[in-house]
Protein backbone atom coordinates (compact mmCIF):
# COMPACT_ATOMS: atom_id res chain seq x y z
CA MET A 1 -78.14 38.08 189.44
CA HIS A 2 -74.87 39.51 190.72
CA GLN A 3 -73.28 36.07 190.55
CA ILE A 4 -74.46 35.59 186.96
CA ARG A 5 -73.00 38.96 185.93
CA TYR A 6 -69.77 38.12 187.71
CA GLY A 7 -69.60 34.75 185.90
CA ILE A 8 -70.21 36.35 182.50
CA ASN A 9 -67.56 39.02 183.13
CA SER A 10 -65.13 36.37 184.31
CA MET A 11 -65.67 34.27 181.17
CA PHE A 12 -65.31 37.37 178.99
CA HIS A 13 -61.99 38.33 180.58
CA GLN A 14 -60.71 34.75 180.33
CA LYS A 15 -61.47 34.67 176.61
CA LEU A 16 -59.93 38.14 176.19
CA ASP A 17 -56.77 37.01 177.98
CA LEU A 18 -56.62 33.90 175.78
CA PHE A 19 -57.07 36.04 172.65
CA ASN A 20 -54.31 38.44 173.75
CA HIS A 21 -52.01 35.54 174.50
CA ARG A 22 -52.56 34.01 171.07
CA LEU A 23 -52.12 37.42 169.42
CA LYS A 24 -48.81 37.95 171.20
CA SER A 25 -47.66 34.47 170.17
CA THR A 26 -48.59 35.12 166.55
CA LEU A 27 -46.82 38.49 166.53
CA SER A 28 -43.78 36.87 168.10
CA ILE A 29 -43.65 34.27 165.31
CA LEU A 30 -44.06 36.97 162.67
CA ARG A 31 -41.29 39.05 164.25
CA ASN A 32 -38.98 36.04 164.30
CA PHE A 33 -39.70 35.37 160.63
CA SER A 34 -39.96 38.96 159.46
CA LEU A 35 -37.68 39.89 156.58
CA TRP A 36 -36.06 43.14 155.71
CA SER A 37 -36.55 44.34 152.18
CA MET A 38 -34.02 43.27 149.55
CA LYS A 39 -33.75 45.07 146.25
CA LYS A 40 -35.35 42.86 143.63
CA ASP A 41 -33.23 41.24 140.95
CA PRO A 42 -35.46 41.00 137.82
CA ASP A 43 -33.45 38.12 136.37
CA LEU A 44 -33.64 35.95 139.49
CA GLU A 45 -37.31 36.82 139.98
CA SER A 46 -37.91 35.69 136.39
CA ALA A 47 -36.13 32.39 137.09
CA LEU A 48 -38.38 31.80 140.10
CA SER A 49 -41.47 32.63 138.05
CA ARG A 50 -40.70 30.00 135.42
CA ASN A 51 -39.77 27.48 138.07
CA HIS A 52 -43.06 27.96 139.96
CA ARG A 53 -45.17 26.87 137.00
CA TRP A 54 -42.91 23.88 136.46
CA ILE A 55 -43.20 22.83 140.12
CA VAL A 56 -47.01 22.90 139.98
CA ASN A 57 -47.18 20.81 136.81
CA ASN A 58 -44.56 18.40 138.12
CA GLN A 59 -46.69 17.83 141.22
CA ILE A 60 -49.76 17.22 139.03
CA LYS A 61 -47.66 14.75 137.03
CA HIS A 62 -46.74 12.83 140.20
CA ILE A 63 -50.39 12.75 141.32
CA ILE A 64 -51.51 11.29 137.98
CA LEU A 65 -48.69 8.70 137.96
CA ARG A 66 -49.79 7.45 141.39
CA CYS A 67 -53.41 6.96 140.26
CA PRO A 68 -54.74 3.60 138.99
CA ASP A 69 -53.91 3.19 135.28
CA GLN A 70 -52.24 6.62 135.59
CA VAL A 71 -55.56 8.38 135.04
CA ALA A 72 -57.01 10.95 137.45
CA SER A 73 -60.46 12.49 137.45
CA VAL A 74 -60.48 16.27 137.21
CA LYS A 75 -62.63 16.30 140.37
CA TYR A 76 -59.85 14.48 142.22
CA LEU A 77 -57.24 16.93 140.95
CA GLN A 78 -59.50 19.78 142.05
CA LYS A 79 -59.37 18.45 145.61
CA LYS A 80 -55.57 18.35 145.40
CA PHE A 81 -55.36 21.97 144.26
CA LYS A 82 -55.31 23.28 147.82
CA THR A 83 -52.24 21.18 148.63
CA LEU A 84 -50.62 22.64 145.51
CA ASP A 85 -51.28 26.15 146.85
CA LEU A 86 -53.58 26.89 143.91
CA GLN A 87 -56.99 28.47 143.62
CA GLY A 88 -59.57 28.33 140.86
CA LYS A 89 -60.63 25.42 138.67
CA ALA A 90 -58.35 22.51 137.86
CA MET A 91 -59.84 22.29 134.37
CA ASN A 92 -58.76 25.86 133.63
CA TRP A 93 -55.18 24.99 134.61
CA LEU A 94 -55.00 21.67 132.74
CA LYS A 95 -56.30 23.07 129.47
CA LYS A 96 -53.45 25.61 129.42
CA TYR A 97 -51.02 22.71 128.85
CA PRO A 98 -52.49 20.45 126.14
CA CYS A 99 -49.01 19.12 125.30
CA CYS A 100 -48.63 17.82 128.88
CA PHE A 101 -52.11 16.77 129.97
CA ALA A 102 -54.84 15.10 127.90
CA VAL A 103 -58.34 15.73 129.25
CA TYR A 104 -61.24 13.66 127.99
CA LEU A 105 -64.90 13.10 128.81
CA GLU A 106 -66.13 9.66 129.83
CA ASN A 107 -69.50 8.79 131.40
CA ASP A 108 -70.26 12.49 131.93
CA GLU A 109 -67.05 13.02 133.91
CA TYR A 110 -63.75 14.58 132.86
CA TYR A 111 -60.52 12.62 133.30
CA CYS A 112 -56.87 13.52 132.79
CA ARG A 113 -53.87 11.48 131.71
CA LEU A 114 -50.36 12.33 130.57
CA THR A 115 -49.75 12.86 126.87
CA LYS A 116 -47.34 10.63 124.91
CA PRO A 117 -44.57 13.30 124.95
CA MET A 118 -44.98 13.58 128.74
CA ILE A 119 -44.78 9.80 129.20
CA ALA A 120 -41.60 9.78 127.10
CA LEU A 121 -40.09 12.44 129.40
CA VAL A 122 -41.10 10.44 132.50
CA GLU A 123 -39.29 7.38 131.08
CA GLU A 124 -36.23 9.47 130.20
CA GLU A 125 -36.19 10.99 133.69
CA GLU A 126 -36.35 7.54 135.26
CA SER A 127 -33.39 6.42 133.16
CA VAL A 128 -31.36 9.46 134.27
CA LYS A 129 -32.22 8.77 137.93
CA GLU A 130 -30.90 5.22 137.63
CA MET A 131 -27.60 6.47 136.20
CA GLN A 132 -27.31 9.13 138.91
CA GLU A 133 -27.77 6.86 141.93
CA PRO A 134 -24.07 7.17 142.93
CA ILE A 135 -24.42 10.98 142.81
CA PHE A 136 -27.56 10.84 144.97
CA ALA A 137 -25.65 8.71 147.47
CA GLU A 138 -22.82 11.26 147.56
CA ARG A 139 -25.25 14.16 148.08
CA LEU A 140 -27.00 12.34 150.91
CA ALA A 141 -23.65 11.50 152.53
CA LYS A 142 -22.60 15.16 152.30
CA LEU A 143 -25.82 16.28 154.01
CA LEU A 144 -25.22 13.83 156.84
CA MET A 145 -21.56 14.86 157.13
CA MET A 146 -22.58 18.50 157.62
CA SER A 147 -25.18 17.67 160.28
CA MET A 148 -24.31 17.94 163.97
CA ASN A 149 -24.53 14.22 164.80
CA GLN A 150 -24.39 12.74 161.28
CA ARG A 151 -28.11 11.96 161.44
CA LEU A 152 -31.14 13.42 159.67
CA ASN A 153 -34.83 12.85 160.30
CA VAL A 154 -36.51 11.09 157.36
CA VAL A 155 -39.76 13.06 157.61
CA LYS A 156 -37.86 16.36 157.48
CA LEU A 157 -35.62 15.16 154.67
CA ASN A 158 -38.65 14.14 152.63
CA GLU A 159 -39.76 17.80 152.60
CA ILE A 160 -36.71 18.84 150.60
CA LYS A 161 -35.72 15.60 148.84
CA ARG A 162 -36.78 16.90 145.42
CA ASN A 163 -34.61 19.99 145.88
CA PHE A 164 -31.65 17.61 145.78
CA GLY A 165 -33.11 15.44 143.02
CA PHE A 166 -33.67 12.42 145.28
CA PRO A 167 -36.28 10.03 143.86
CA ASP A 168 -39.40 9.41 145.93
CA ASP A 169 -38.22 5.87 146.71
CA TYR A 170 -34.66 6.87 147.65
CA LEU A 171 -34.89 4.99 150.98
CA ILE A 172 -35.36 1.62 149.28
CA ARG A 173 -33.51 2.45 146.07
CA ILE A 174 -30.28 3.96 147.43
CA LEU A 175 -29.72 3.03 151.08
CA PRO A 176 -29.66 -0.80 150.65
CA LYS A 177 -26.99 -0.44 147.95
CA TYR A 178 -24.66 1.47 150.30
CA PRO A 179 -24.79 -0.39 153.65
CA ASP A 180 -21.25 0.77 154.48
CA THR A 181 -22.37 4.40 154.21
CA PHE A 182 -25.95 4.60 155.51
CA ARG A 183 -28.30 2.89 157.91
CA LEU A 184 -31.84 3.53 159.12
CA ILE A 185 -32.38 3.87 162.85
CA ASN A 186 -35.57 4.22 164.87
CA HIS A 187 -35.24 3.95 168.63
CA SER A 188 -38.83 4.87 169.49
CA GLY A 189 -40.55 2.84 166.79
CA ARG A 190 -42.59 5.81 165.58
CA LYS A 191 -42.49 6.61 161.88
CA SER A 192 -41.88 10.30 162.65
CA SER A 193 -38.67 9.49 164.55
CA MET A 194 -36.99 7.44 161.79
CA GLN A 195 -33.51 8.74 160.96
CA ILE A 196 -30.77 8.13 158.41
CA GLU A 197 -27.36 7.78 160.03
CA LEU A 198 -23.93 8.05 158.44
CA VAL A 199 -21.99 4.82 159.01
CA SER A 200 -18.59 5.87 157.69
CA TRP A 201 -16.94 9.22 156.94
CA ASN A 202 -15.61 9.65 153.40
CA PRO A 203 -12.87 12.33 153.29
CA ASP A 204 -13.25 12.60 149.50
CA PHE A 205 -16.80 13.91 150.04
CA ALA A 206 -15.70 16.49 152.64
CA VAL A 207 -14.76 19.02 149.97
CA SER A 208 -17.16 21.92 149.49
CA ALA A 209 -18.03 23.52 146.15
CA ILE A 210 -15.98 26.59 147.12
CA GLU A 211 -12.94 24.45 147.99
CA ALA A 212 -13.27 22.41 144.78
CA SER A 213 -13.42 25.60 142.71
CA ALA A 214 -10.35 27.01 144.52
CA GLN A 215 -8.41 23.80 143.84
CA GLN A 216 -9.14 24.15 140.12
CA ARG A 217 -7.93 27.76 140.18
CA GLY A 218 -4.95 26.99 142.39
CA SER A 219 -5.98 29.64 144.92
CA GLU A 220 -7.29 29.94 148.46
CA PRO A 221 -11.02 29.21 148.91
CA CYS A 222 -13.18 32.32 149.09
CA TYR A 223 -16.64 33.57 148.22
CA SER A 224 -17.58 35.39 145.02
CA CYS A 225 -19.82 38.43 144.78
CA SER A 226 -21.90 39.51 141.79
CA LEU A 227 -23.53 42.66 143.15
CA PRO A 228 -23.65 45.85 141.04
CA SER A 229 -20.75 48.23 141.68
CA THR A 230 -23.25 50.84 142.91
CA TRP A 231 -23.88 48.76 146.05
CA VAL A 232 -20.91 50.38 147.74
CA LYS A 233 -21.70 49.55 151.37
CA SER A 234 -22.64 45.95 150.54
CA TRP A 235 -19.35 45.54 148.68
CA GLU A 236 -17.43 46.93 151.66
CA ARG A 237 -19.13 44.48 154.04
CA PHE A 238 -18.51 41.62 151.63
CA ARG A 239 -14.80 42.39 151.30
CA GLU A 240 -14.47 42.60 155.08
CA PHE A 241 -16.29 39.28 155.47
CA ASN A 242 -14.26 37.62 152.72
CA SER A 243 -10.93 38.82 154.10
CA THR A 244 -10.97 36.24 156.91
CA PRO A 245 -10.12 32.57 156.20
CA TYR A 246 -12.81 30.32 154.73
CA ILE A 247 -14.21 27.71 157.13
CA SER A 248 -15.44 24.44 155.66
CA PRO A 249 -18.97 23.30 156.55
CA TYR A 250 -17.59 19.78 157.00
CA ILE A 251 -15.50 20.58 160.08
CA ASP A 252 -16.89 19.96 163.56
CA PRO A 253 -18.30 23.30 164.81
CA LYS A 254 -18.30 22.32 168.49
CA ASP A 255 -15.02 24.13 169.11
CA ILE A 256 -16.23 27.33 167.40
CA LEU A 257 -17.66 29.99 169.71
CA GLU A 258 -21.35 30.77 169.14
CA GLY A 259 -21.91 34.28 167.79
CA SER A 260 -18.28 34.67 166.71
CA LYS A 261 -17.05 35.77 163.27
CA GLU A 262 -15.75 32.24 162.75
CA MET A 263 -19.21 30.77 163.37
CA GLU A 264 -20.73 33.27 160.93
CA LYS A 265 -18.16 32.21 158.35
CA ARG A 266 -18.89 28.54 158.93
CA THR A 267 -22.68 29.11 158.71
CA ALA A 268 -22.31 31.00 155.42
CA GLY A 269 -20.22 28.12 154.09
CA LEU A 270 -22.82 25.59 155.20
CA VAL A 271 -25.76 27.38 153.56
CA HIS A 272 -23.64 27.93 150.44
CA GLU A 273 -22.84 24.21 150.29
CA LEU A 274 -26.46 23.19 150.88
CA LEU A 275 -27.60 25.41 148.00
CA SER A 276 -24.78 24.11 145.80
CA LEU A 277 -26.08 20.57 146.27
CA THR A 278 -29.63 21.47 145.15
CA LEU A 279 -30.73 21.16 141.54
CA TRP A 280 -31.72 24.82 141.14
CA LYS A 281 -29.34 26.33 143.71
CA LYS A 282 -32.30 27.45 145.79
CA VAL A 283 -34.49 26.33 148.69
CA SER A 284 -37.42 27.58 150.73
CA ILE A 285 -36.20 29.44 153.83
CA MET A 286 -39.00 27.91 155.89
CA LYS A 287 -38.01 24.37 154.90
CA LEU A 288 -34.35 25.15 155.51
CA GLY A 289 -35.33 26.50 158.92
CA HIS A 290 -36.70 23.07 159.87
CA PHE A 291 -33.06 21.93 160.07
CA LYS A 292 -31.81 24.62 162.45
CA ARG A 293 -30.89 22.11 165.13
CA GLU A 294 -29.43 19.52 162.74
CA PHE A 295 -27.16 22.02 160.97
CA ASN A 296 -26.72 24.44 163.86
CA LEU A 297 -28.27 27.29 161.89
CA PRO A 298 -28.94 30.67 163.54
CA GLU A 299 -32.35 31.25 165.14
CA LYS A 300 -33.01 34.23 162.86
CA LEU A 301 -31.88 32.55 159.65
CA ASN A 302 -33.63 35.12 157.49
CA VAL A 303 -31.70 37.98 159.09
CA PHE A 304 -28.43 36.10 158.60
CA LEU A 305 -29.11 35.56 154.89
CA LEU A 306 -29.94 39.22 154.32
CA LYS A 307 -26.63 40.23 155.89
CA HIS A 308 -24.89 38.62 152.92
CA PRO A 309 -26.63 39.91 149.77
CA GLY A 310 -23.49 39.37 147.71
CA ILE A 311 -23.71 35.61 148.27
CA PHE A 312 -27.43 34.95 148.76
CA TYR A 313 -30.54 36.40 147.17
CA VAL A 314 -33.79 36.37 149.15
CA SER A 315 -37.11 36.56 147.32
CA ASN A 316 -40.76 36.55 148.36
CA LYS A 317 -42.09 35.49 144.95
CA TYR A 318 -45.58 33.99 145.30
CA GLN A 319 -45.47 34.78 149.05
CA ILE A 320 -42.86 32.05 149.59
CA TYR A 321 -39.55 33.19 151.05
CA THR A 322 -36.79 31.56 149.01
CA VAL A 323 -33.01 31.87 149.13
CA LEU A 324 -30.98 31.51 145.92
CA LEU A 325 -27.25 31.20 145.43
CA ARG A 326 -26.33 34.23 143.32
CA GLU A 327 -23.24 32.69 141.76
CA GLY A 328 -25.36 29.77 140.52
CA TYR A 329 -27.04 32.01 137.94
CA ASN A 330 -25.98 34.03 134.93
CA GLY A 331 -28.87 36.46 134.60
CA SER A 332 -31.97 34.27 134.86
CA GLU A 333 -30.25 31.12 133.60
CA LEU A 334 -28.80 28.39 135.76
CA ILE A 335 -25.07 28.01 135.00
CA ASP A 336 -24.36 24.36 135.83
CA LYS A 337 -27.32 22.19 134.92
CA ASP A 338 -27.70 18.79 136.48
CA PRO A 339 -28.84 16.07 133.99
CA LEU A 340 -32.17 16.00 135.83
CA VAL A 341 -32.55 19.74 135.28
CA MET A 342 -32.00 19.22 131.56
CA ILE A 343 -34.88 16.73 131.53
CA LYS A 344 -37.00 19.18 133.46
CA ASP A 345 -36.08 21.90 130.95
CA LYS A 346 -37.60 19.71 128.26
CA PHE A 347 -40.69 19.49 130.43
CA GLY A 348 -40.74 23.29 130.63
CA GLU A 349 -40.43 23.56 126.86
CA LEU A 350 -43.37 21.19 126.48
CA MET A 351 -45.37 23.33 128.91
CA GLN A 352 -44.48 26.45 126.95
CA GLU A 353 -45.43 24.82 123.65
CA GLY A 354 -48.82 23.89 125.07
CA LEU A 355 -49.37 27.32 126.56
CA HIS A 356 -48.66 28.99 123.21
CA GLU A 357 -51.04 26.57 121.48
CA TYR A 358 -53.72 27.39 124.03
CA ASN A 359 -53.18 31.13 123.61
CA ARG A 360 -53.30 30.79 119.81
CA ARG A 361 -56.64 28.97 119.99
CA ARG A 362 -57.97 31.52 122.45
CA CYS A 363 -56.90 34.38 120.19
CA LEU A 364 -58.56 32.85 117.14
CA ALA A 365 -61.71 32.18 119.16
CA ASN A 366 -61.80 35.81 120.29
CA ILE A 367 -61.39 37.05 116.71
CA GLU A 368 -64.18 34.75 115.55
CA LYS A 369 -66.37 36.06 118.36
CA ARG A 370 -65.67 39.66 117.32
CA LYS A 371 -66.46 38.82 113.71
CA LYS A 372 -69.87 37.54 114.76
CA ASN A 373 -70.42 40.74 116.74
CA GLY A 374 -69.42 42.90 113.76
CA MET A 375 -66.30 44.18 115.50
CA VAL A 376 -63.82 42.90 112.89
CA ARG A 377 -63.33 44.03 109.33
CA SER A 378 -65.26 42.20 106.63
CA ALA A 379 -63.82 39.14 104.90
CA LYS A 380 -63.29 41.14 101.69
CA MET A 381 -61.06 43.65 103.43
CA ASP A 382 -59.19 40.78 105.14
CA ASP A 383 -58.67 39.11 101.75
CA LYS A 384 -57.32 42.38 100.41
CA ASP A 385 -54.68 42.46 103.15
CA ASN A 386 -54.19 38.65 102.95
CA SER A 387 -53.66 38.66 106.75
CA ILE A 388 -55.31 39.26 110.08
CA GLU A 389 -53.09 41.04 112.52
CA MET A 390 -53.39 39.68 116.04
CA PRO A 391 -52.29 41.87 118.92
CA GLU A 392 -49.40 40.21 120.75
CA GLU A 393 -50.83 40.99 124.18
CA GLU A 394 -54.11 39.33 123.14
CA CYS A 395 -52.63 36.23 121.50
CA GLY A 396 -49.94 35.76 124.09
CA ASN A 397 -47.44 34.63 121.45
CA LYS A 398 -44.60 36.77 122.67
CA MET A 399 -42.17 34.60 124.66
CA GLY A 400 -40.95 37.38 126.90
CA GLY A 401 -44.48 38.46 127.75
CA LEU A 402 -44.79 35.74 130.36
CA PHE A 403 -41.86 37.04 132.32
CA ASP A 404 -42.28 40.79 132.50
CA PRO A 405 -43.22 42.57 135.78
CA GLU A 406 -46.95 42.14 135.07
CA GLU A 407 -46.49 38.45 134.25
CA ARG A 408 -48.11 37.00 137.34
CA LYS A 409 -51.21 39.18 137.18
CA ARG A 410 -51.88 38.46 133.49
CA PHE A 411 -50.99 34.80 133.85
CA TYR A 412 -53.51 34.14 136.58
CA GLN A 413 -56.18 36.25 134.89
CA VAL A 414 -55.99 33.95 131.87
CA LEU A 415 -55.40 30.90 134.03
CA PHE A 416 -58.64 30.97 135.95
CA SER A 417 -60.97 32.67 133.50
CA ASP A 418 -64.17 30.78 132.71
CA ASP A 419 -65.17 32.50 129.48
CA THR A 420 -63.64 29.89 127.17
CA PRO A 421 -65.10 26.37 127.19
CA TYR A 422 -62.69 23.44 127.13
CA LYS A 423 -62.20 21.84 123.72
């Protein structure tokens, strides 16, 4: 009996030790990734809000295009919702965007395909991608030139390829056309170890966005700051940081001392250049952190970014830590729009058109329901006024309503409600 008790106690303590070990590891990870608070910028938060909805629908678009005959069952899309970081019913999401997705019933099962306007945008986007292949090649070369050994892992690069506008088939579309610039290497033979290597260095590419802007102005390269004048201490730190010479992210950092002011300057230039190469001048901090070794980024990247609020803006919109380049935006609008972004703006307009149409139908359905319940004035009184006033918050026909501070809460309440059948 004593031995049994001893064995049970021993197993209990072993499990407790294992639990404590895992708890300490988890807390350590959280501490390493913990972020200080940054005062929210309503304009940049609004830009992220619009972009989030576009990203989700763009992913749904890609899923449908990969399906046979470019038709996906709603059940299949429902299974994919978890990978899209969404909850609720796929049908409730799809019916919000009737201008983008056409849902129909066949053999007692719902299916979804792209609408004709969406297919037209897909074809236009493909045409733009073909014209931009030389630009994609330059962006990829720049990424390799900034890396420590002029190599990047393909699996890692695939995680952020769409940030830079790279097509899904960039490996077979772009690399074979530029054999003097790129080559694929794989010493181990495993798919996860495949890398893209820079074959030749192009000095014309080794000019950062900051340096190119300075050349146009005829001045020395330096950072810009768009913080409010009331941020006195942040302005003082920015001026002190900006007073030292700019260091290009394309120079070899091996001779720069780790932890020095010069290394901080070079790191800021590297992150600035990476963001400048993206379509929306933003990237997930977690995904950027996957390249710490390749780009020699600091271990606590989040802390580094928050030290420079005049250059970078850190947001936790939708529980995803994202860094934006402040100078890339004027209010909530992107300043320099890549041709691909212009196509994607058309996609966003189509989404918005469908959302307004859905809200209009929902509003009319609610009014009809209230009429039946005797909650709306009689038809005679309505004829007298020749109009039925619809509350803006009920109809959702106010453009700005989607982007106010309560936008996310209201959006998802409507998004996943089940009280309106699909039509």
